[in-house]
């Protein structure tokens, strides 16, 4: 079954909204691998961003991930994930 970009974004948005309304977030054991999240984000026409932080000795490390995309109405959204790939929020 071939998915269109609009179908993919609509499904992703509906899933995220349902999860947000229920107040659940996936546990680490249920988190998708980062490569899957990145692939799904880009497949839906989104931009994948890696967030970095620095520890007290100046070493850089990943603090989380963002997927920036537009819905079918052209509104810009961002899905936020922690460093392990757990969904955190949409804004």
PDB file of N, CA and C in Angstrom:
ATOM      1  N   UNK A   1       0.846  -1.179   0.000  1.00  0.00           N
ATOM      2  CA  UNK A   1       0.000   0.000   0.000  1.00  0.00           C
ATOM      3  C   UNK A   1       0.885   1.234   0.000  1.00  0.00           C
ATOM      4  N   UNK A   2       0.686   2.106  -0.951  1.00  0.00           N
ATOM      5  CA  UNK A   2       1.496   3.308  -1.073  1.00  0.00           C
ATOM      6  C   UNK A   2       0.865   4.438  -0.261  1.00  0.00           C
ATOM      7  N   UNK A   3       1.697   5.077   0.554  1.00  0.00           N
ATOM      8  CA  UNK A   3       1.223   6.196   1.371  1.00  0.00           C
ATOM      9  C   UNK A   3       1.625   7.510   0.720  1.00  0.00           C
ATOM     10  N   UNK A   4       0.733   8.453   0.746  1.00  0.00           N
ATOM     11  CA  UNK A   4       1.087   9.789   0.276  1.00  0.00           C
ATOM     12  C   UNK A   4       1.658  10.565   1.447  1.00  0.00           C
ATOM     13  N   UNK A   5       2.315  11.638   1.161  1.00  0.00           N
ATOM     14  CA  UNK A   5       2.897  12.481   2.208  1.00  0.00           C
ATOM     15  C   UNK A   5       1.805  12.978   3.152  1.00  0.00           C
ATOM     16  N   UNK A   6       0.684  13.405   2.596  1.00  0.00           N
ATOM     17  CA  UNK A   6      -0.414  13.923   3.418  1.00  0.00           C
ATOM     18  C   UNK A   6      -0.962  12.835   4.334  1.00  0.00           C
ATOM     19  N   UNK A   7      -1.093  11.614   3.824  1.00  0.00           N
ATOM     20  CA  UNK A   7      -1.594  10.504   4.637  1.00  0.00           C
ATOM     21  C   UNK A   7      -0.631  10.204   5.774  1.00  0.00           C
ATOM     22  N   UNK A   8       0.654  10.180   5.475  1.00  0.00           N
ATOM     23  CA  UNK A   8       1.661   9.906   6.485  1.00  0.00           C
ATOM     24  C   UNK A   8       1.649  10.974   7.572  1.00  0.00           C
ATOM     25  N   UNK A   9       1.610  12.233   7.177  1.00  0.00           N
ATOM     26  CA  UNK A   9       1.604  13.325   8.149  1.00  0.00           C
ATOM     27  C   UNK A   9       0.323  13.295   8.973  1.00  0.00           C
ATOM     28  N   UNK A  10      -0.804  13.060   8.328  1.00  0.00           N
ATOM     29  CA  UNK A  10      -2.077  13.000   9.056  1.00  0.00           C
ATOM     30  C   UNK A  10      -2.069  11.865  10.069  1.00  0.00           C
ATOM     31  N   UNK A  11      -1.552  10.709   9.687  1.00  0.00           N
ATOM     32  CA  UNK A  11      -1.489   9.568  10.604  1.00  0.00           C
ATOM     33  C   UNK A  11      -0.542   9.859  11.758  1.00  0.00           C
ATOM     34  N   UNK A  12       0.605  10.442  11.446  1.00  0.00           N
ATOM     35  CA  UNK A  12       1.577  10.789  12.481  1.00  0.00           C
ATOM     36  C   UNK A  12       0.990  11.810  13.446  1.00  0.00           C
ATOM     37  N   UNK A  13       0.327  12.824  12.925  1.00  0.00           N
ATOM     38  CA  UNK A  13      -0.286  13.854  13.763  1.00  0.00           C
ATOM     39  C   UNK A  13      -1.379  13.260  14.649  1.00  0.00           C
ATOM     40  N   UNK A  14      -2.219  12.399  14.085  1.00  0.00           N
ATOM     41  CA  UNK A  14      -3.289  11.773  14.862  1.00  0.00           C
ATOM     42  C   UNK A  14      -2.729  10.915  15.979  1.00  0.00           C
ATOM     43  N   UNK A  15      -1.684  10.165  15.693  1.00  0.00           N
ATOM     44  CA  UNK A  15      -1.063   9.322  16.712  1.00  0.00           C
ATOM     45  C   UNK A  15      -0.474  10.161  17.831  1.00  0.00           C
ATOM     46  N   UNK A  16       0.220  11.216  17.456  1.00  0.00           N
ATOM     47  CA  UNK A  16       0.847  12.083  18.453  1.00  0.00           C
ATOM     48  C   UNK A  16      -0.211  12.780  19.303  1.00  0.00           C
ATOM     49  N   UNK A  17      -1.264  13.264  18.659  1.00  0.00           N
ATOM     50  CA  UNK A  17      -2.322  13.943  19.405  1.00  0.00           C
ATOM     51  C   UNK A  17      -3.003  12.978  20.366  1.00  0.00           C
ATOM     52  N   UNK A  18      -3.279  11.763  19.932  1.00  0.00           N
ATOM     53  CA  UNK A  18      -3.928  10.786  20.808  1.00  0.00           C
ATOM     54  C   UNK A  18      -3.038  10.468  21.996  1.00  0.00           C
ATOM     55  N   UNK A  19      -1.758  10.296  21.752  1.00  0.00           N
ATOM     56  CA  UNK A  19      -0.825  10.021  22.838  1.00  0.00           C
ATOM     57  C   UNK A  19      -0.759  11.197  23.793  1.00  0.00           C
ATOM     58  N   UNK A  20      -0.734  12.411  23.258  1.00  0.00           N
ATOM     59  CA  UNK A  20      -0.678  13.603  24.103  1.00  0.00           C
ATOM     60  C   UNK A  20      -1.928  13.777  24.943  1.00  0.00           C
ATOM     61  N   UNK A  21      -3.100  13.503  24.374  1.00  0.00           N
ATOM     62  CA  UNK A  21      -4.338  13.656  25.114  1.00  0.00           C
ATOM     63  C   UNK A  21      -4.442  12.645  26.246  1.00  0.00           C
ATOM     64  N   UNK A  22      -3.941  11.458  26.022  1.00  0.00           N
ATOM     65  CA  UNK A  22      -4.003  10.435  27.052  1.00  0.00           C
ATOM     66  C   UNK A  22      -2.949  10.691  28.124  1.00  0.00           C
ATOM     67  N   UNK A  23      -1.903  11.417  27.745  1.00  0.00           N
ATOM     68  CA  UNK A  23      -0.855  11.749  28.697  1.00  0.00           C
ATOM     69  C   UNK A  23       0.189  10.651  28.834  1.00  0.00           C
ATOM     70  N   UNK A  24       0.338   9.844  27.825  1.00  0.00           N
ATOM     71  CA  UNK A  24       1.293   8.754  27.865  1.00  0.00           C
ATOM     72  C   UNK A  24       2.524   9.094  27.054  1.00  0.00           C
ATOM     73  N   UNK A  25       3.628   8.529  27.458  1.00  0.00           N
ATOM     74  CA  UNK A  25       4.813   8.578  26.614  1.00  0.00           C
ATOM     75  C   UNK A  25       5.436   7.194  26.635  1.00  0.00           C
ATOM     76  N   UNK A  26       6.040   6.820  25.532  1.00  0.00           N
ATOM     77  CA  UNK A  26       6.593   5.485  25.423  1.00  0.00           C
ATOM     78  C   UNK A  26       7.740   5.290  26.391  1.00  0.00           C
ATOM     79  N   UNK A  27       7.815   4.125  26.979  1.00  0.00           N
ATOM     80  CA  UNK A  27       8.940   3.782  27.837  1.00  0.00           C
ATOM     81  C   UNK A  27      10.141   3.452  26.979  1.00  0.00           C
ATOM     82  N   UNK A  28      11.297   3.408  27.583  1.00  0.00           N
ATOM     83  CA  UNK A  28      12.515   3.140  26.840  1.00  0.00           C
ATOM     84  C   UNK A  28      12.436   1.827  26.085  1.00  0.00           C
ATOM     85  N   UNK A  29      11.841   0.810  26.675  1.00  0.00           N
ATOM     86  CA  UNK A  29      11.747  -0.487  26.013  1.00  0.00           C
ATOM     87  C   UNK A  29      10.883  -0.408  24.755  1.00  0.00           C
ATOM     88  N   UNK A  30       9.960   0.550  24.694  1.00  0.00           N
ATOM     89  CA  UNK A  30       9.064   0.689  23.562  1.00  0.00           C
ATOM     90  C   UNK A  30       9.525   1.738  22.551  1.00  0.00           C
ATOM     91  N   UNK A  31      10.596   2.432  22.849  1.00  0.00           N
ATOM     92  CA  UNK A  31      11.066   3.491  21.960  1.00  0.00           C
ATOM     93  C   UNK A  31      11.548   2.899  20.645  1.00  0.00           C
ATOM     94  N   UNK A  32      11.223   3.591  19.550  1.00  0.00           N
ATOM     95  CA  UNK A  32      11.731   3.171  18.248  1.00  0.00           C
ATOM     96  C   UNK A  32      13.206   3.523  18.155  1.00  0.00           C
ATOM     97  N   UNK A  33      13.972   2.737  17.414  1.00  0.00           N
ATOM     98  CA  UNK A  33      15.367   3.123  17.198  1.00  0.00           C
ATOM     99  C   UNK A  33      15.431   4.504  16.545  1.00  0.00           C
ATOM    100  N   UNK A  34      16.456   5.243  16.875  1.00  0.00           N
ATOM    101  CA  UNK A  34      16.617   6.599  16.354  1.00  0.00           C
ATOM    102  C   UNK A  34      16.587   6.590  14.829  1.00  0.00           C
ATOM    103  N   UNK A  35      17.204   5.597  14.218  1.00  0.00           N
ATOM    104  CA  UNK A  35      17.230   5.544  12.748  1.00  0.00           C
ATOM    105  C   UNK A  35      15.815   5.422  12.173  1.00  0.00           C
ATOM    106  N   UNK A  36      14.927   4.704  12.857  1.00  0.00           N
ATOM    107  CA  UNK A  36      13.534   4.597  12.405  1.00  0.00           C
ATOM    108  C   UNK A  36      12.831   5.944  12.521  1.00  0.00           C
ATOM    109  N   UNK A  37      13.015   6.621  13.653  1.00  0.00           N
ATOM    110  CA  UNK A  37      12.390   7.931  13.856  1.00  0.00           C
ATOM    111  C   UNK A  37      12.877   8.913  12.800  1.00  0.00           C
ATOM    112  N   UNK A  38      14.171   8.926  12.565  1.00  0.00           N
ATOM    113  CA  UNK A  38      14.756   9.828  11.578  1.00  0.00           C
ATOM    114  C   UNK A  38      14.200   9.519  10.190  1.00  0.00           C
ATOM    115  N   UNK A  39      14.124   8.264   9.843  1.00  0.00           N
ATOM    116  CA  UNK A  39      13.614   7.854   8.529  1.00  0.00           C
ATOM    117  C   UNK A  39      12.143   8.238   8.357  1.00  0.00           C
ATOM    118  N   UNK A  40      11.327   8.007   9.385  1.00  0.00           N
ATOM    119  CA  UNK A  40       9.907   8.369   9.315  1.00  0.00           C
ATOM    120  C   UNK A  40       9.725   9.871   9.201  1.00  0.00           C
ATOM    121  N   UNK A  41      10.524  10.611   9.932  1.00  0.00           N
ATOM    122  CA  UNK A  41      10.450  12.073   9.880  1.00  0.00           C
ATOM    123  C   UNK A  41      10.767  12.566   8.476  1.00  0.00           C
ATOM    124  N   UNK A  42      11.861  12.117   7.929  1.00  0.00           N
ATOM    125  CA  UNK A  42      12.268  12.551   6.583  1.00  0.00           C
ATOM    126  C   UNK A  42      11.302  12.037   5.530  1.00  0.00           C
ATOM    127  N   UNK A  43      10.758  10.827   5.739  1.00  0.00           N
ATOM    128  CA  UNK A  43       9.790  10.267   4.811  1.00  0.00           C
ATOM    129  C   UNK A  43       8.508  11.077   4.743  1.00  0.00           C
ATOM    130  N   UNK A  44       8.180  11.768   5.838  1.00  0.00           N
ATOM    131  CA  UNK A  44       6.985  12.607   5.886  1.00  0.00           C
ATOM    132  C   UNK A  44       7.293  14.040   5.446  1.00  0.00           C
ATOM    133  N   UNK A  45       8.503  14.252   4.921  1.00  0.00           N
ATOM    134  CA  UNK A  45       8.883  15.586   4.448  1.00  0.00           C
ATOM    135  C   UNK A  45       9.416  16.483   5.535  1.00  0.00           C
ATOM    136  N   UNK A  46       9.726  15.906   6.699  1.00  0.00           N
ATOM    137  CA  UNK A  46      10.212  16.695   7.824  1.00  0.00           C
ATOM    138  C   UNK A  46      11.719  16.840   7.839  1.00  0.00           C
ATOM    139  N   UNK A  47      12.184  17.673   8.748  1.00  0.00           N
ATOM    140  CA  UNK A  47      13.617  17.889   8.959  1.00  0.00           C
ATOM    141  C   UNK A  47      13.996  17.334  10.324  1.00  0.00           C
ATOM    142  N   UNK A  48      15.021  16.508  10.360  1.00  0.00           N
ATOM    143  CA  UNK A  48      15.481  15.853  11.581  1.00  0.00           C
ATOM    144  C   UNK A  48      16.616  16.669  12.181  1.00  0.00           C
ATOM    145  N   UNK A  49      16.529  16.996  13.467  1.00  0.00           N
ATOM    146  CA  UNK A  49      17.535  17.810  14.143  1.00  0.00           C
ATOM    147  C   UNK A  49      18.023  17.064  15.379  1.00  0.00           C
ATOM    148  N   UNK A  50      19.333  17.051  15.579  1.00  0.00           N
ATOM    149  CA  UNK A  50      19.928  16.450  16.769  1.00  0.00           C
ATOM    150  C   UNK A  50      20.291  17.581  17.717  1.00  0.00           C
ATOM    151  N   UNK A  51      19.832  17.485  18.977  1.00  0.00           N
ATOM    152  CA  UNK A  51      20.164  18.486  19.998  1.00  0.00           C
ATOM    153  C   UNK A  51      21.366  17.998  20.808  1.00  0.00           C
ATOM    154  N   UNK A  52      22.313  18.909  21.053  1.00  0.00           N
ATOM    155  CA  UNK A  52      23.515  18.564  21.797  1.00  0.00           C
ATOM    156  C   UNK A  52      23.639  19.403  23.065  1.00  0.00           C
ATOM    157  N   UNK A  53      24.333  18.862  24.030  1.00  0.00           N
ATOM    158  CA  UNK A  53      24.691  19.575  25.245  1.00  0.00           C
ATOM    159  C   UNK A  53      26.164  19.314  25.518  1.00  0.00           C
ATOM    160  N   UNK A  54      26.695  19.949  26.545  1.00  0.00           N
ATOM    161  CA  UNK A  54      28.094  19.764  26.911  1.00  0.00           C
ATOM    162  C   UNK A  54      28.178  19.458  28.405  1.00  0.00           C
ATOM    163  N   UNK A  55      29.019  18.496  28.761  1.00  0.00           N
ATOM    164  CA  UNK A  55      29.184  18.198  30.181  1.00  0.00           C
ATOM    165  C   UNK A  55      30.203  19.154  30.788  1.00  0.00           C
ATOM    166  N   UNK A  56      30.500  18.971  32.053  1.00  0.00           N
ATOM    167  CA  UNK A  56      31.372  19.915  32.774  1.00  0.00           C
ATOM    168  C   UNK A  56      32.802  19.933  32.247  1.00  0.00           C
ATOM    169  N   UNK A  57      33.217  18.891  31.531  1.00  0.00           N
ATOM    170  CA  UNK A  57      34.569  18.875  30.962  1.00  0.00           C
ATOM    171  C   UNK A  57      34.590  19.307  29.503  1.00  0.00           C
ATOM    172  N   UNK A  58      33.430  19.740  28.989  1.00  0.00           N
ATOM    173  CA  UNK A  58      33.365  20.251  27.632  1.00  0.00           C
ATOM    174  C   UNK A  58      33.112  19.208  26.563  1.00  0.00           C
ATOM    175  N   UNK A  59      32.797  17.992  26.961  1.00  0.00           N
ATOM    176  CA  UNK A  59      32.517  16.944  25.981  1.00  0.00           C
ATOM    177  C   UNK A  59      31.074  17.054  25.524  1.00  0.00           C
ATOM    178  N   UNK A  60      30.895  17.039  24.211  1.00  0.00           N
ATOM    179  CA  UNK A  60      29.562  17.170  23.620  1.00  0.00           C
ATOM    180  C   UNK A  60      28.844  15.827  23.642  1.00  0.00           C
ATOM    181  N   UNK A  61      27.529  15.865  23.937  1.00  0.00           N
ATOM    182  CA  UNK A  61      26.724  14.646  23.931  1.00  0.00           C
ATOM    183  C   UNK A  61      25.317  14.974  23.432  1.00  0.00           C
ATOM    184  N   UNK A  62      24.622  13.942  22.954  1.00  0.00           N
ATOM    185  CA  UNK A  62      23.266  14.109  22.440  1.00  0.00           C
ATOM    186  C   UNK A  62      22.301  14.239  23.609  1.00  0.00           C
ATOM    187  N   UNK A  63      21.462  15.284  23.585  1.00  0.00           N
ATOM    188  CA  UNK A  63      20.458  15.466  24.636  1.00  0.00           C
ATOM    189  C   UNK A  63      19.054  15.109  24.152  1.00  0.00           C
ATOM    190  N   UNK A  64      18.858  15.100  22.834  1.00  0.00           N
ATOM    191  CA  UNK A  64      17.538  14.771  22.312  1.00  0.00           C
ATOM    192  C   UNK A  64      17.475  14.977  20.809  1.00  0.00           C
ATOM    193  N   UNK A  65      16.245  14.814  20.283  1.00  0.00           N
ATOM    194  CA  UNK A  65      16.026  14.908  18.846  1.00  0.00           C
ATOM    195  C   UNK A  65      14.747  15.683  18.573  1.00  0.00           C
ATOM    196  N   UNK A  66      14.682  16.303  17.404  1.00  0.00           N
ATOM    197  CA  UNK A  66      13.494  17.041  16.978  1.00  0.00           C
ATOM    198  C   UNK A  66      13.139  16.653  15.553  1.00  0.00           C
ATOM    199  N   UNK A  67      11.845  16.552  15.275  1.00  0.00           N
ATOM    200  CA  UNK A  67      11.367  16.356  13.912  1.00  0.00           C
ATOM    201  C   UNK A  67      10.462  17.538  13.595  1.00  0.00           C
ATOM    202  N   UNK A  68      10.887  18.389  12.680  1.00  0.00           N
ATOM    203  CA  UNK A  68      10.128  19.560  12.249  1.00  0.00           C
ATOM    204  C   UNK A  68       9.399  19.224  10.960  1.00  0.00           C
ATOM    205  N   UNK A  69       8.086  19.461  10.920  1.00  0.00           N
ATOM    206  CA  UNK A  69       7.291  19.139   9.734  1.00  0.00           C
ATOM    207  C   UNK A  69       6.071  20.035   9.661  1.00  0.00           C
ATOM    208  N   UNK A  70       5.432  20.048   8.495  1.00  0.00           N
ATOM    209  CA  UNK A  70       4.195  20.801   8.304  1.00  0.00           C
ATOM    210  C   UNK A  70       3.042  19.829   8.130  1.00  0.00           C
ATOM    211  N   UNK A  71       1.879  20.173   8.719  1.00  0.00           N
ATOM    212  CA  UNK A  71       0.695  19.342   8.529  1.00  0.00           C
ATOM    213  C   UNK A  71       0.044  19.694   7.186  1.00  0.00           C
ATOM    214  N   UNK A  72      -1.083  19.048   6.892  1.00  0.00           N
ATOM    215  CA  UNK A  72      -1.710  19.246   5.581  1.00  0.00           C
ATOM    216  C   UNK A  72      -2.245  20.663   5.377  1.00  0.00           C
ATOM    217  N   UNK A  73      -2.380  21.428   6.476  1.00  0.00           N
ATOM    218  CA  UNK A  73      -2.827  22.814   6.375  1.00  0.00           C
ATOM    219  C   UNK A  73      -1.656  23.792   6.303  1.00  0.00           C
ATOM    220  N   UNK A  74      -0.428  23.271   6.341  1.00  0.00           N
ATOM    221  CA  UNK A  74       0.757  24.120   6.261  1.00  0.00           C
ATOM    222  C   UNK A  74       1.256  24.633   7.596  1.00  0.00           C
ATOM    223  N   UNK A  75       0.665  24.156   8.698  1.00  0.00           N
ATOM    224  CA  UNK A  75       1.111  24.572  10.030  1.00  0.00           C
ATOM    225  C   UNK A  75       2.392  23.836  10.402  1.00  0.00           C
ATOM    226  N   UNK A  76       3.359  24.560  10.974  1.00  0.00           N
ATOM    227  CA  UNK A  76       4.639  23.982  11.362  1.00  0.00           C
ATOM    228  C   UNK A  76       4.536  23.347  12.747  1.00  0.00           C
ATOM    229  N   UNK A  77       5.038  22.119  12.872  1.00  0.00           N
ATOM    230  CA  UNK A  77       5.029  21.379  14.130  1.00  0.00           C
ATOM    231  C   UNK A  77       6.421  20.821  14.401  1.00  0.00           C
ATOM    232  N   UNK A  78       6.678  20.523  15.661  1.00  0.00           N
ATOM    233  CA  UNK A  78       7.920  19.849  16.030  1.00  0.00           C
ATOM    234  C   UNK A  78       7.579  18.747  17.035  1.00  0.00           C
ATOM    235  N   UNK A  79       8.092  17.548  16.784  1.00  0.00           N
ATOM    236  CA  UNK A  79       7.977  16.442  17.721  1.00  0.00           C
ATOM    237  C   UNK A  79       9.305  16.333  18.442  1.00  0.00           C
ATOM    238  N   UNK A  80       9.248  16.231  19.764  1.00  0.00           N
ATOM    239  CA  UNK A  80      10.455  16.172  20.572  1.00  0.00           C
ATOM    240  C   UNK A  80      10.649  14.781  21.152  1.00  0.00           C
ATOM    241  N   UNK A  81      11.897  14.301  21.103  1.00  0.00           N
ATOM    242  CA  UNK A  81      12.264  12.991  21.628  1.00  0.00           C
ATOM    243  C   UNK A  81      13.466  13.148  22.550  1.00  0.00           C
ATOM    244  N   UNK A  82      13.537  12.293  23.584  1.00  0.00           N
ATOM    245  CA  UNK A  82      14.722  12.329  24.434  1.00  0.00           C
ATOM    246  C   UNK A  82      15.865  11.612  23.734  1.00  0.00           C
ATOM    247  N   UNK A  83      17.017  11.524  24.379  1.00  0.00           N
ATOM    248  CA  UNK A  83      18.203  10.957  23.735  1.00  0.00           C
ATOM    249  C   UNK A  83      18.085   9.467  23.442  1.00  0.00           C
ATOM    250  N   UNK A  84      17.102   8.804  24.064  1.00  0.00           N
ATOM    251  CA  UNK A  84      16.898   7.376  23.833  1.00  0.00           C
ATOM    252  C   UNK A  84      15.809   7.095  22.801  1.00  0.00           C
ATOM    253  N   UNK A  85      15.178   8.152  22.294  1.00  0.00           N
ATOM    254  CA  UNK A  85      14.130   7.983  21.284  1.00  0.00           C
ATOM    255  C   UNK A  85      12.727   7.940  21.836  1.00  0.00           C
ATOM    256  N   UNK A  86      12.569   8.222  23.116  1.00  0.00           N
ATOM    257  CA  UNK A  86      11.233   8.279  23.722  1.00  0.00           C
ATOM    258  C   UNK A  86      10.551   9.585  23.337  1.00  0.00           C
ATOM    259  N   UNK A  87       9.327   9.482  22.851  1.00  0.00           N
ATOM    260  CA  UNK A  87       8.534  10.670  22.503  1.00  0.00           C
ATOM    261  C   UNK A  87       8.282  11.486  23.763  1.00  0.00           C
ATOM    262  N   UNK A  88       8.417  12.800  23.678  1.00  0.00           N
ATOM    263  CA  UNK A  88       8.199  13.676  24.831  1.00  0.00           C
ATOM    264  C   UNK A  88       7.047  14.653  24.637  1.00  0.00           C
ATOM    265  N   UNK A  89       6.979  15.290  23.455  1.00  0.00           N
ATOM    266  CA  UNK A  89       6.017  16.365  23.296  1.00  0.00           C
ATOM    267  C   UNK A  89       5.920  16.796  21.823  1.00  0.00           C
ATOM    268  N   UNK A  90       4.856  17.466  21.501  1.00  0.00           N
ATOM    269  CA  UNK A  90       4.695  18.117  20.198  1.00  0.00           C
ATOM    270  C   UNK A  90       4.393  19.583  20.442  1.00  0.00           C
ATOM    271  N   UNK A  91       4.995  20.431  19.658  1.00  0.00           N
ATOM    272  CA  UNK A  91       4.746  21.853  19.846  1.00  0.00           C
ATOM    273  C   UNK A  91       4.640  22.576  18.535  1.00  0.00           C
TER     274      UNK A  91
END
